[in-house]
N, C-alpha and C. Protein backbone atom coordinates (compact mmCIF):
# COMPACT_ATOMS: atom_id res chain seq x y z
N LYS A 1 17.45 5.85 -16.27
CA LYS A 1 16.12 5.90 -15.71
C LYS A 1 16.20 6.40 -14.26
N GLN A 2 15.37 7.35 -13.94
CA GLN A 2 15.35 7.89 -12.59
C GLN A 2 14.38 7.10 -11.73
N ILE A 3 14.80 6.81 -10.51
CA ILE A 3 13.93 6.11 -9.56
C ILE A 3 13.40 7.14 -8.58
N TRP A 4 12.09 7.32 -8.57
CA TRP A 4 11.48 8.31 -7.69
C TRP A 4 11.72 7.96 -6.24
N GLY A 5 12.03 8.97 -5.44
CA GLY A 5 12.18 8.78 -4.01
C GLY A 5 13.59 8.40 -3.59
N VAL A 6 14.48 8.16 -4.53
CA VAL A 6 15.85 7.82 -4.19
C VAL A 6 16.70 9.07 -4.30
N GLY A 7 17.17 9.55 -3.16
CA GLY A 7 18.04 10.71 -3.14
C GLY A 7 17.33 12.04 -3.35
N GLU A 8 16.03 12.06 -3.19
CA GLU A 8 15.30 13.31 -3.35
C GLU A 8 14.02 13.26 -2.54
N ASN A 9 13.50 14.43 -2.22
CA ASN A 9 12.22 14.51 -1.55
C ASN A 9 11.17 14.92 -2.56
N MET A 10 10.12 14.16 -2.63
CA MET A 10 9.05 14.41 -3.58
C MET A 10 7.99 15.25 -2.88
N GLY A 11 7.49 16.27 -3.56
CA GLY A 11 6.43 17.09 -3.00
C GLY A 11 5.11 16.35 -2.97
N THR A 12 4.19 16.85 -2.17
CA THR A 12 2.89 16.22 -2.01
C THR A 12 2.14 16.14 -3.33
N GLU A 13 2.11 17.22 -4.08
CA GLU A 13 1.37 17.22 -5.35
C GLU A 13 1.98 16.25 -6.35
N GLU A 14 3.29 16.20 -6.39
CA GLU A 14 3.97 15.27 -7.30
C GLU A 14 3.68 13.82 -6.90
N SER A 15 3.73 13.56 -5.61
CA SER A 15 3.44 12.23 -5.10
C SER A 15 2.00 11.83 -5.42
N LYS A 16 1.08 12.74 -5.21
CA LYS A 16 -0.34 12.48 -5.49
C LYS A 16 -0.56 12.19 -6.98
N LYS A 17 0.11 12.95 -7.84
CA LYS A 17 -0.01 12.75 -9.29
C LYS A 17 0.48 11.36 -9.68
N ILE A 18 1.62 10.95 -9.15
CA ILE A 18 2.18 9.64 -9.47
C ILE A 18 1.26 8.53 -8.94
N TRP A 19 0.73 8.71 -7.74
CA TRP A 19 -0.19 7.71 -7.18
C TRP A 19 -1.41 7.56 -8.08
N GLU A 20 -1.99 8.67 -8.50
CA GLU A 20 -3.18 8.62 -9.35
C GLU A 20 -2.89 7.93 -10.68
N GLU A 21 -1.68 8.12 -11.21
CA GLU A 21 -1.31 7.47 -12.46
C GLU A 21 -1.24 5.95 -12.30
N ASN A 22 -0.95 5.48 -11.09
CA ASN A 22 -0.82 4.04 -10.83
C ASN A 22 -2.05 3.43 -10.17
N ALA A 23 -3.04 4.23 -9.84
CA ALA A 23 -4.19 3.74 -9.07
C ALA A 23 -4.94 2.62 -9.78
N GLN A 24 -5.18 2.75 -11.07
CA GLN A 24 -5.94 1.73 -11.79
C GLN A 24 -5.20 0.39 -11.79
N PHE A 25 -3.89 0.43 -11.95
CA PHE A 25 -3.09 -0.79 -11.89
C PHE A 25 -3.30 -1.50 -10.55
N TRP A 26 -3.19 -0.75 -9.45
CA TRP A 26 -3.33 -1.35 -8.13
C TRP A 26 -4.75 -1.79 -7.85
N ASP A 27 -5.73 -1.04 -8.31
CA ASP A 27 -7.13 -1.47 -8.17
C ASP A 27 -7.34 -2.81 -8.85
N ASN A 28 -6.80 -2.96 -10.05
CA ASN A 28 -6.93 -4.23 -10.78
C ASN A 28 -6.15 -5.35 -10.10
N ALA A 29 -4.95 -5.04 -9.64
CA ALA A 29 -4.10 -6.07 -9.03
C ALA A 29 -4.65 -6.56 -7.70
N MET A 30 -5.23 -5.66 -6.91
CA MET A 30 -5.70 -6.04 -5.58
C MET A 30 -7.15 -6.51 -5.58
N GLY A 31 -7.95 -6.07 -6.53
CA GLY A 31 -9.35 -6.49 -6.58
C GLY A 31 -10.16 -5.92 -5.43
N ASP A 32 -11.38 -6.37 -5.30
CA ASP A 32 -12.26 -5.87 -4.25
C ASP A 32 -11.88 -6.38 -2.87
N GLU A 33 -11.26 -7.55 -2.81
CA GLU A 33 -10.95 -8.17 -1.52
C GLU A 33 -9.45 -8.22 -1.24
N SER A 34 -8.65 -7.49 -1.95
CA SER A 34 -7.19 -7.49 -1.89
C SER A 34 -6.65 -8.79 -2.49
N ASN A 35 -5.33 -8.92 -2.55
CA ASN A 35 -4.80 -10.16 -3.12
C ASN A 35 -4.67 -11.23 -2.04
N GLU A 36 -4.48 -12.46 -2.47
CA GLU A 36 -4.49 -13.59 -1.53
C GLU A 36 -3.40 -13.47 -0.47
N PHE A 37 -2.19 -13.08 -0.84
CA PHE A 37 -1.09 -12.95 0.12
C PHE A 37 -1.46 -11.95 1.21
N HIS A 38 -1.96 -10.80 0.80
CA HIS A 38 -2.32 -9.77 1.77
C HIS A 38 -3.46 -10.25 2.67
N ARG A 39 -4.45 -10.87 2.07
CA ARG A 39 -5.63 -11.33 2.80
C ARG A 39 -5.30 -12.47 3.77
N GLU A 40 -4.44 -13.41 3.35
CA GLU A 40 -4.17 -14.61 4.14
C GLU A 40 -2.96 -14.50 5.07
N VAL A 41 -2.00 -13.64 4.72
CA VAL A 41 -0.77 -13.56 5.51
C VAL A 41 -0.65 -12.23 6.24
N VAL A 42 -0.72 -11.14 5.50
CA VAL A 42 -0.46 -9.83 6.09
C VAL A 42 -1.59 -9.39 7.02
N ARG A 43 -2.81 -9.39 6.52
CA ARG A 43 -3.94 -8.85 7.29
C ARG A 43 -4.12 -9.53 8.66
N PRO A 44 -4.10 -10.87 8.74
CA PRO A 44 -4.29 -11.49 10.06
C PRO A 44 -3.21 -11.10 11.07
N LYS A 45 -1.96 -11.05 10.63
CA LYS A 45 -0.88 -10.71 11.57
C LYS A 45 -0.92 -9.24 11.97
N VAL A 46 -1.22 -8.36 11.05
CA VAL A 46 -1.33 -6.95 11.39
C VAL A 46 -2.49 -6.75 12.37
N THR A 47 -3.61 -7.41 12.12
CA THR A 47 -4.75 -7.33 13.03
C THR A 47 -4.36 -7.84 14.41
N GLU A 48 -3.62 -8.94 14.46
CA GLU A 48 -3.16 -9.49 15.73
C GLU A 48 -2.24 -8.50 16.46
N LEU A 49 -1.33 -7.90 15.72
CA LEU A 49 -0.40 -6.95 16.33
C LEU A 49 -1.10 -5.69 16.84
N LEU A 50 -2.14 -5.26 16.16
CA LEU A 50 -2.82 -4.02 16.53
C LEU A 50 -3.96 -4.22 17.52
N SER A 51 -4.34 -5.46 17.75
CA SER A 51 -5.43 -5.73 18.69
C SER A 51 -4.92 -5.66 20.12
N PRO A 52 -5.58 -4.87 20.95
CA PRO A 52 -5.13 -4.77 22.34
C PRO A 52 -5.39 -6.08 23.10
N ASN A 53 -4.51 -6.38 24.01
CA ASN A 53 -4.66 -7.56 24.85
C ASN A 53 -5.60 -7.21 26.00
N PRO A 54 -6.72 -7.93 26.15
CA PRO A 54 -7.69 -7.58 27.18
C PRO A 54 -7.22 -7.87 28.61
N ALA A 55 -6.05 -8.46 28.78
CA ALA A 55 -5.56 -8.81 30.12
C ALA A 55 -5.16 -7.61 30.94
């Protein structure tokens, strides 16, 4: 079995095609509000890291 992206460069069109083939899976997995881990752990910390300090 070949693993995409390991030891090769994938073209934009090929990458886009593969993404589109997996889009429905990720839409279902993440839902309208993303998954709980992303919503409760990732998003708050990323927001904190990207928010400028007003000082």
